[in-house]
Amino acid sequence: MTLEFGELPVRIRKIVYYTLASSDQRVWAKFIFPGLQNFLIRSFYTSLPMAPAFLLTFWLVTWCPEEHRRSKRKDPNLYL
């Protein structure tokens, strides 16, 4: 008699093991409707406080190079 794991001569009482067959499991059961919907709602509510900072950053990144280019242009009236 070999003592391998799972075949040890020890009995444990009052413990019930439940198993579910792999064919009975529904892997994608509630993925689309409540899962995706909750993800979109939560991401919307967490992005609201960050929106002003993102908009200000976008405005600065687009405005600063344009203002720099405008200020570095030569005035043709200075060279007459």
N, C-alpha and C. Protein backbone atom coordinates (compact mmCIF):
# COMPACT_ATOMS: atom_id res chain seq x y z
N MET A 1 0.85 -1.17 0.00
CA MET A 1 0.00 0.00 0.00
C MET A 1 0.90 1.23 0.00
N THR A 2 0.75 2.03 -1.03
CA THR A 2 1.54 3.26 -1.12
C THR A 2 0.72 4.40 -0.55
N LEU A 3 1.40 5.28 0.14
CA LEU A 3 0.72 6.44 0.71
C LEU A 3 0.94 7.63 -0.22
N GLU A 4 -0.01 7.85 -1.08
CA GLU A 4 0.03 8.98 -1.99
C GLU A 4 -0.97 10.02 -1.52
N PHE A 5 -0.75 11.23 -1.98
CA PHE A 5 -1.67 12.29 -1.60
C PHE A 5 -3.05 12.00 -2.17
N GLY A 6 -4.06 12.07 -1.35
CA GLY A 6 -5.41 11.76 -1.77
C GLY A 6 -5.83 10.36 -1.37
N GLU A 7 -4.89 9.53 -1.01
CA GLU A 7 -5.20 8.16 -0.59
C GLU A 7 -4.63 7.88 0.79
N LEU A 8 -4.47 8.89 1.61
CA LEU A 8 -3.93 8.71 2.95
C LEU A 8 -4.99 8.07 3.85
N PRO A 9 -4.58 7.32 4.85
CA PRO A 9 -5.56 6.63 5.71
C PRO A 9 -6.12 7.54 6.80
N VAL A 10 -6.51 8.75 6.43
CA VAL A 10 -7.08 9.69 7.39
C VAL A 10 -8.48 10.05 6.91
N ARG A 11 -9.45 9.96 7.81
CA ARG A 11 -10.83 10.31 7.45
C ARG A 11 -11.19 11.64 8.10
N ILE A 12 -11.69 12.53 7.29
CA ILE A 12 -12.15 13.82 7.79
C ILE A 12 -13.67 13.82 7.69
N ARG A 13 -14.31 14.05 8.82
CA ARG A 13 -15.77 14.01 8.83
C ARG A 13 -16.33 15.43 8.91
N LYS A 14 -17.60 15.56 8.55
CA LYS A 14 -18.38 16.79 8.59
C LYS A 14 -17.83 17.86 7.63
N ILE A 15 -17.20 17.44 6.59
CA ILE A 15 -16.79 18.35 5.52
C ILE A 15 -17.41 17.83 4.24
N VAL A 16 -18.17 18.69 3.60
CA VAL A 16 -18.86 18.30 2.37
C VAL A 16 -18.20 19.04 1.21
N TYR A 17 -17.85 18.32 0.21
CA TYR A 17 -17.23 18.90 -0.98
C TYR A 17 -18.26 18.93 -2.10
N TYR A 18 -18.40 20.10 -2.71
CA TYR A 18 -19.30 20.25 -3.84
C TYR A 18 -18.47 20.51 -5.08
N THR A 19 -18.87 19.89 -6.15
CA THR A 19 -18.19 20.13 -7.42
C THR A 19 -19.23 20.43 -8.48
N LEU A 20 -18.79 21.12 -9.51
CA LEU A 20 -19.66 21.46 -10.61
C LEU A 20 -18.97 21.01 -11.89
N ALA A 21 -19.69 20.28 -12.68
CA ALA A 21 -19.11 19.76 -13.92
C ALA A 21 -18.79 20.92 -14.86
N SER A 22 -17.76 20.76 -15.64
CA SER A 22 -17.37 21.83 -16.55
C SER A 22 -18.42 22.09 -17.61
N SER A 23 -19.24 21.11 -17.93
CA SER A 23 -20.30 21.33 -18.91
C SER A 23 -21.46 22.13 -18.33
N ASP A 24 -21.55 22.19 -17.00
CA ASP A 24 -22.63 22.94 -16.36
C ASP A 24 -22.25 24.38 -16.07
N GLN A 25 -21.01 24.75 -16.24
CA GLN A 25 -20.58 26.09 -15.94
C GLN A 25 -20.90 27.02 -17.11
N ARG A 26 -21.35 28.19 -16.77
CA ARG A 26 -21.62 29.21 -17.80
C ARG A 26 -20.55 30.29 -17.65
N VAL A 27 -19.56 30.24 -18.49
CA VAL A 27 -18.40 31.11 -18.33
C VAL A 27 -18.76 32.56 -18.62
N TRP A 28 -19.51 32.82 -19.67
CA TRP A 28 -19.85 34.18 -20.07
C TRP A 28 -21.29 34.52 -19.67
N ALA A 29 -21.74 34.01 -18.54
CA ALA A 29 -23.15 34.11 -18.16
C ALA A 29 -23.64 35.55 -18.07
N LYS A 30 -23.03 36.37 -17.25
CA LYS A 30 -23.51 37.74 -17.08
C LYS A 30 -22.41 38.72 -17.45
N PHE A 31 -21.76 38.47 -18.56
CA PHE A 31 -20.63 39.32 -18.95
C PHE A 31 -21.10 40.59 -19.65
N ILE A 32 -22.00 40.47 -20.62
CA ILE A 32 -22.32 41.61 -21.47
C ILE A 32 -23.26 42.58 -20.78
N PHE A 33 -24.40 42.12 -20.30
CA PHE A 33 -25.39 43.09 -19.82
C PHE A 33 -25.01 43.73 -18.49
N PRO A 34 -24.94 43.03 -17.39
CA PRO A 34 -24.57 43.76 -16.18
C PRO A 34 -23.08 44.08 -16.11
N GLY A 35 -22.23 43.21 -16.61
CA GLY A 35 -20.79 43.43 -16.49
C GLY A 35 -20.30 44.60 -17.31
N LEU A 36 -20.61 44.62 -18.57
CA LEU A 36 -20.17 45.70 -19.45
C LEU A 36 -20.86 47.02 -19.10
N GLN A 37 -22.13 46.92 -18.73
CA GLN A 37 -22.86 48.12 -18.36
C GLN A 37 -22.26 48.75 -17.10
N ASN A 38 -21.95 47.96 -16.09
CA ASN A 38 -21.34 48.49 -14.88
C ASN A 38 -19.97 49.07 -15.16
N PHE A 39 -19.20 48.43 -16.03
CA PHE A 39 -17.88 48.95 -16.39
C PHE A 39 -17.99 50.32 -17.04
N LEU A 40 -18.92 50.49 -17.97
CA LEU A 40 -19.06 51.77 -18.65
C LEU A 40 -19.54 52.85 -17.69
N ILE A 41 -20.48 52.54 -16.82
CA ILE A 41 -20.98 53.53 -15.86
C ILE A 41 -19.88 53.94 -14.90
N ARG A 42 -19.15 52.97 -14.37
CA ARG A 42 -18.09 53.30 -13.42
C ARG A 42 -16.96 54.07 -14.08
N SER A 43 -16.60 53.72 -15.30
CA SER A 43 -15.53 54.46 -15.97
C SER A 43 -15.99 55.88 -16.30
N PHE A 44 -17.27 56.07 -16.60
CA PHE A 44 -17.79 57.41 -16.86
C PHE A 44 -17.72 58.26 -15.60
N TYR A 45 -18.14 57.70 -14.47
CA TYR A 45 -18.13 58.47 -13.23
C TYR A 45 -16.71 58.74 -12.72
N THR A 46 -15.77 57.87 -12.99
CA THR A 46 -14.40 58.14 -12.56
C THR A 46 -13.68 59.08 -13.52
N SER A 47 -14.14 59.19 -14.76
CA SER A 47 -13.48 60.08 -15.70
C SER A 47 -13.98 61.52 -15.58
N LEU A 48 -15.13 61.74 -14.96
CA LEU A 48 -15.65 63.10 -14.83
C LEU A 48 -14.71 64.03 -14.06
N PRO A 49 -14.15 63.64 -12.93
CA PRO A 49 -13.22 64.57 -12.25
C PRO A 49 -11.92 64.81 -13.02
N MET A 50 -11.54 63.88 -13.88
CA MET A 50 -10.29 64.03 -14.62
C MET A 50 -10.47 64.80 -15.92
N ALA A 51 -11.69 64.99 -16.37
CA ALA A 51 -11.94 65.62 -17.66
C ALA A 51 -11.39 67.05 -17.75
N PRO A 52 -11.59 67.92 -16.74
CA PRO A 52 -11.03 69.28 -16.88
C PRO A 52 -9.50 69.29 -17.03
N ALA A 53 -8.82 68.44 -16.30
CA ALA A 53 -7.36 68.40 -16.42
C ALA A 53 -6.94 67.92 -17.82
N PHE A 54 -7.62 66.93 -18.35
CA PHE A 54 -7.30 66.44 -19.69
C PHE A 54 -7.58 67.52 -20.75
N LEU A 55 -8.70 68.21 -20.60
CA LEU A 55 -9.03 69.25 -21.58
C LEU A 55 -8.04 70.41 -21.51
N LEU A 56 -7.66 70.81 -20.29
CA LEU A 56 -6.68 71.88 -20.15
C LEU A 56 -5.32 71.47 -20.73
N THR A 57 -4.92 70.26 -20.49
CA THR A 57 -3.65 69.76 -21.04
C THR A 57 -3.70 69.72 -22.57
N PHE A 58 -4.80 69.25 -23.12
CA PHE A 58 -4.94 69.22 -24.57
C PHE A 58 -4.89 70.62 -25.16
N TRP A 59 -5.56 71.56 -24.51
CA TRP A 59 -5.55 72.94 -24.99
C TRP A 59 -4.15 73.52 -24.93
N LEU A 60 -3.43 73.28 -23.84
CA LEU A 60 -2.07 73.81 -23.72
C LEU A 60 -1.12 73.20 -24.75
N VAL A 61 -1.26 71.90 -24.98
CA VAL A 61 -0.37 71.23 -25.93
C VAL A 61 -0.63 71.72 -27.35
N THR A 62 -1.85 72.09 -27.66
CA THR A 62 -2.12 72.59 -29.01
C THR A 62 -1.87 74.10 -29.12
N TRP A 63 -2.09 74.85 -28.06
CA TRP A 63 -1.95 76.31 -28.12
C TRP A 63 -0.49 76.76 -28.04
N CYS A 64 0.29 76.15 -27.17
CA CYS A 64 1.67 76.61 -26.94
C CYS A 64 2.55 76.55 -28.20
N PRO A 65 2.59 75.47 -28.93
CA PRO A 65 3.43 75.48 -30.14
C PRO A 65 2.96 76.50 -31.19
N GLU A 66 1.65 76.65 -31.30
CA GLU A 66 1.13 77.63 -32.27
C GLU A 66 1.50 79.05 -31.85
N GLU A 67 1.40 79.35 -30.58
CA GLU A 67 1.78 80.68 -30.08
C GLU A 67 3.27 80.91 -30.22
N HIS A 68 4.05 79.88 -30.02
CA HIS A 68 5.50 80.00 -30.20
C HIS A 68 5.84 80.30 -31.66
N ARG A 69 5.21 79.58 -32.58
CA ARG A 69 5.45 79.83 -33.99
C ARG A 69 5.02 81.25 -34.37
N ARG A 70 3.89 81.70 -33.84
CA ARG A 70 3.40 83.04 -34.15
C ARG A 70 4.34 84.13 -33.62
N SER A 71 4.89 83.91 -32.43
CA SER A 71 5.76 84.93 -31.86
C SER A 71 7.13 84.96 -32.51
N LYS A 72 7.55 83.90 -33.16
CA LYS A 72 8.86 83.85 -33.81
C LYS A 72 8.83 84.32 -35.26
N ARG A 73 7.67 84.64 -35.79
CA ARG A 73 7.58 85.12 -37.18
C ARG A 73 8.22 86.50 -37.30
N LYS A 74 8.78 86.72 -38.42
CA LYS A 74 9.40 88.02 -38.65
C LYS A 74 8.34 88.99 -39.17
N ASP A 75 8.43 90.21 -38.69
CA ASP A 75 7.49 91.24 -39.14
C ASP A 75 8.06 91.87 -40.43
N PRO A 76 7.34 91.79 -41.53
CA PRO A 76 7.87 92.33 -42.79
C PRO A 76 8.06 93.85 -42.76
N ASN A 77 7.36 94.55 -41.91
CA ASN A 77 7.50 96.02 -41.86
C ASN A 77 8.84 96.44 -41.27
N LEU A 78 9.50 95.57 -40.55
CA LEU A 78 10.80 95.91 -39.96
C LEU A 78 11.92 95.89 -41.00
N TYR A 79 11.70 95.26 -42.13
CA TYR A 79 12.76 95.07 -43.11
C TYR A 79 12.54 95.88 -44.37
N LEU A 80 11.85 97.03 -44.30
CA LEU A 80 11.64 97.86 -45.49
C LEU A 80 12.78 98.81 -45.71
